[in-house]
Amino acid sequence: MPVLILDGYNVIHRLPMLQRELDRSLQAARQALITYCQTRHAKRGDVAHLYIVFDGTAHAGHLPSQRMEGLTVLFTDGKETADDRMLRLIREAPAGSSFIIVSNDTYVYNNARAHGARVMSVEAFAAQGISRRHRTSASDRATNKARLASEVARQITAAYRADLERRRTQGKPPRA
């Protein structure tokens, strides 16, 4: 089973049910996302583990990083963004690990694919819902990413991987 990694604030700002909580407070929105993910993981059982990654340290107004059954909530330190932490989880995983990244961030989307992860839009994640019995079909899922022909997608991913490797060997950062 794959590991699911959510771009925490990206998800909060894209889902109306969490935006309503955001009107109350950022902490309320984070807690609502955590509760939703705990319920989803318990009822669906279709992922090995679920990570929610947030920018920022656990200080006043933040929940501390925490581990629960099947779920880990991570806050990054000031030296690392949530985007980079999600990608590091993929890079540092044992060979053969399978990941699904939930984010609408283009940087995360492209880099996760380049590292072999599957990517799902926030809207597609929400459309799946909590119950496996009520899954929507792929054609019904909301998405904000244009679908590419698989050969074109493979060519783009190969070119992106080559660029990442070139930058790595030249000592340049992956983001320009």
Protein backbone atom coordinates (compact mmCIF):
# COMPACT_ATOMS: atom_id res chain seq x y z
CA MET A 1 0.00 0.00 0.00
CA PRO A 2 1.22 3.51 -0.71
CA VAL A 3 2.14 6.22 1.76
CA LEU A 4 -0.01 9.34 1.41
CA ILE A 5 1.66 12.74 2.00
CA LEU A 6 -0.50 15.86 2.25
CA ASP A 7 0.71 19.42 1.71
CA GLY A 8 -1.09 20.64 4.85
CA TYR A 9 -1.67 24.33 4.21
CA ASN A 10 -2.25 23.74 0.50
CA VAL A 11 -5.07 21.35 1.40
CA ILE A 12 -6.53 23.70 4.02
CA HIS A 13 -6.68 26.62 1.59
CA ARG A 14 -8.31 24.53 -1.17
CA LEU A 15 -11.14 22.76 0.66
CA PRO A 16 -14.26 24.74 1.62
CA MET A 17 -14.89 22.62 4.75
CA LEU A 18 -11.43 23.55 6.03
CA GLN A 19 -11.63 27.17 4.89
CA ARG A 20 -14.66 27.57 7.18
CA GLU A 21 -12.49 26.36 10.06
CA LEU A 22 -9.77 28.74 8.93
CA ASP A 23 -12.22 31.60 9.51
CA ARG A 24 -12.18 30.55 13.20
CA SER A 25 -8.42 30.05 13.47
CA LEU A 26 -5.47 28.42 11.76
CA GLN A 27 -5.19 25.93 14.62
CA ALA A 28 -8.86 24.96 14.18
CA ALA A 29 -8.29 24.36 10.45
CA ARG A 30 -5.19 22.23 11.13
CA GLN A 31 -7.06 20.19 13.74
CA ALA A 32 -10.02 19.71 11.38
CA LEU A 33 -7.65 18.38 8.68
CA ILE A 34 -5.99 16.03 11.18
CA THR A 35 -9.37 14.73 12.37
CA TYR A 36 -10.56 14.25 8.78
CA CYS A 37 -7.38 12.31 7.93
CA GLN A 38 -7.63 10.13 11.05
CA THR A 39 -11.21 9.23 10.14
CA ARG A 40 -10.29 8.66 6.50
CA HIS A 41 -7.38 6.40 7.39
CA ALA A 42 -9.44 4.39 9.87
CA LYS A 43 -12.38 3.86 7.51
CA ARG A 44 -10.69 3.48 4.13
CA GLY A 45 -7.55 1.57 5.06
CA ASP A 46 -6.12 2.07 1.57
CA VAL A 47 -2.77 3.63 2.57
CA ALA A 48 0.04 2.26 4.70
CA HIS A 49 0.64 5.58 6.46
CA LEU A 50 -0.46 9.18 6.11
CA TYR A 51 1.72 12.26 6.64
CA ILE A 52 0.44 15.83 6.92
CA VAL A 53 3.29 18.30 6.48
CA PHE A 54 3.01 21.96 7.55
CA ASP A 55 5.44 24.85 7.22
CA GLY A 56 6.65 26.20 10.55
CA THR A 57 7.81 25.02 13.91
CA ALA A 58 5.59 23.85 16.72
CA HIS A 59 5.34 27.03 18.79
CA ALA A 60 2.50 29.12 20.14
CA GLY A 61 -0.45 28.65 17.82
CA HIS A 62 0.96 25.47 16.28
CA LEU A 63 0.23 21.94 17.31
CA PRO A 64 3.42 20.01 18.02
CA SER A 65 4.60 17.41 15.52
CA GLN A 66 2.82 14.22 16.49
CA ARG A 67 2.48 10.54 15.65
CA MET A 68 -0.78 8.67 15.89
CA GLU A 69 -1.77 5.27 14.60
CA GLY A 70 -1.33 5.45 10.84
CA LEU A 71 -0.81 9.24 10.84
CA THR A 72 2.13 11.57 11.41
CA VAL A 73 1.82 15.35 11.58
CA LEU A 74 5.07 17.17 10.79
CA PHE A 75 6.02 20.83 11.17
CA THR A 76 9.16 21.95 9.39
CA ASP A 77 11.85 24.02 11.03
CA GLY A 78 12.84 27.44 9.75
CA LYS A 79 15.49 25.94 7.45
CA GLU A 80 13.16 23.68 5.46
CA THR A 81 9.82 24.27 3.72
CA ALA A 82 6.95 21.80 3.79
CA ASP A 83 7.48 21.31 0.05
CA ASP A 84 11.10 20.27 0.58
CA ARG A 85 10.22 18.07 3.56
CA MET A 86 7.64 16.15 1.51
CA LEU A 87 10.17 15.56 -1.24
CA ARG A 88 12.79 14.51 1.32
CA LEU A 89 10.36 11.88 2.68
CA ILE A 90 10.19 10.43 -0.82
CA ARG A 91 13.95 10.60 -1.50
CA GLU A 92 14.93 9.04 1.83
CA ALA A 93 12.43 6.18 1.71
CA PRO A 94 13.61 2.62 1.12
CA ALA A 95 13.73 1.47 -2.51
CA GLY A 96 10.39 0.21 -3.72
CA SER A 97 8.34 2.51 -1.50
CA SER A 98 5.18 3.89 -3.06
CA PHE A 99 3.93 7.43 -2.45
CA ILE A 100 0.94 9.56 -3.34
CA ILE A 101 1.40 13.29 -2.86
CA VAL A 102 -1.68 15.48 -2.36
CA SER A 103 -0.94 19.05 -3.43
CA ASN A 104 -1.85 21.63 -6.04
CA ASP A 105 1.61 23.21 -5.83
CA THR A 106 3.37 22.93 -9.20
CA TYR A 107 6.85 22.66 -7.63
CA VAL A 108 5.72 19.76 -5.44
CA TYR A 109 3.75 18.18 -8.29
CA ASN A 110 6.67 18.18 -10.76
CA ASN A 111 9.36 17.15 -8.27
CA ALA A 112 7.28 14.39 -6.70
CA ARG A 113 6.62 12.91 -10.14
CA ALA A 114 10.31 13.19 -11.00
CA HIS A 115 11.10 11.16 -7.88
CA GLY A 116 8.60 8.46 -8.86
CA ALA A 117 5.62 9.42 -6.69
CA ARG A 118 2.05 9.60 -7.89
CA VAL A 119 0.41 12.99 -7.49
CA MET A 120 -3.20 13.78 -6.67
CA SER A 121 -4.86 17.18 -6.66
CA VAL A 122 -6.47 18.37 -3.44
CA GLU A 123 -9.85 18.27 -5.19
CA ALA A 124 -9.37 14.63 -6.25
CA PHE A 125 -8.38 13.73 -2.68
CA ALA A 126 -11.54 15.38 -1.34
CA ALA A 127 -13.68 13.74 -4.03
CA GLN A 128 -12.54 10.31 -2.81
CA GLY A 129 -14.19 11.03 0.51
CA ILE A 130 -13.86 8.99 3.65
CA SER A 131 -15.72 5.83 2.72
CA ARG A 132 -14.32 3.41 0.15
CA ARG A 133 -17.88 2.37 -0.75
CA HIS A 134 -18.69 5.86 -1.98
CA ARG A 135 -15.70 6.46 -4.23
CA THR A 136 -16.33 8.59 -7.25
CA SER A 137 -15.12 7.48 -10.64
CA ALA A 138 -12.02 9.05 -12.12
CA SER A 139 -14.14 10.96 -14.63
CA ASP A 140 -16.20 12.47 -11.79
CA ARG A 141 -13.27 13.60 -9.70
CA ALA A 142 -12.63 17.31 -9.52
CA THR A 143 -9.16 18.26 -10.66
CA ASN A 144 -7.32 21.40 -11.61
CA LYS A 145 -4.53 19.66 -13.53
CA ALA A 146 -4.84 19.16 -17.26
CA ARG A 147 -4.47 15.54 -18.33
CA LEU A 148 -1.57 14.85 -20.65
CA ALA A 149 -1.19 11.95 -22.99
CA SER A 150 0.89 9.37 -21.14
CA GLU A 151 3.76 9.51 -23.65
CA VAL A 152 3.97 13.31 -23.35
CA ALA A 153 3.89 13.05 -19.55
CA ARG A 154 6.74 10.48 -19.65
CA GLN A 155 8.81 12.76 -21.89
CA ILE A 156 8.28 15.76 -19.60
CA THR A 157 9.14 13.71 -16.51
CA ALA A 158 12.30 12.33 -18.17
CA ALA A 159 13.41 15.84 -19.16
CA TYR A 160 12.73 17.12 -15.64
CA ARG A 161 14.69 14.24 -14.08
CA ALA A 162 17.60 14.96 -16.42
CA ASP A 163 17.53 18.63 -15.40
CA LEU A 164 17.47 17.69 -11.70
CA GLU A 165 20.44 15.35 -12.20
CA ARG A 166 22.36 18.02 -14.16
CA ARG A 167 21.73 20.57 -11.40
CA ARG A 168 22.75 18.05 -8.73
CA THR A 169 26.05 17.22 -10.46
CA GLN A 170 26.78 20.93 -11.01
CA GLY A 171 26.01 21.73 -7.36
CA LYS A 172 23.08 23.98 -8.24
CA PRO A 173 19.93 24.02 -6.14
CA PRO A 174 16.90 22.21 -7.64
CA ARG A 175 14.81 25.37 -7.63
CA ALA A 176 15.86 28.20 -9.91
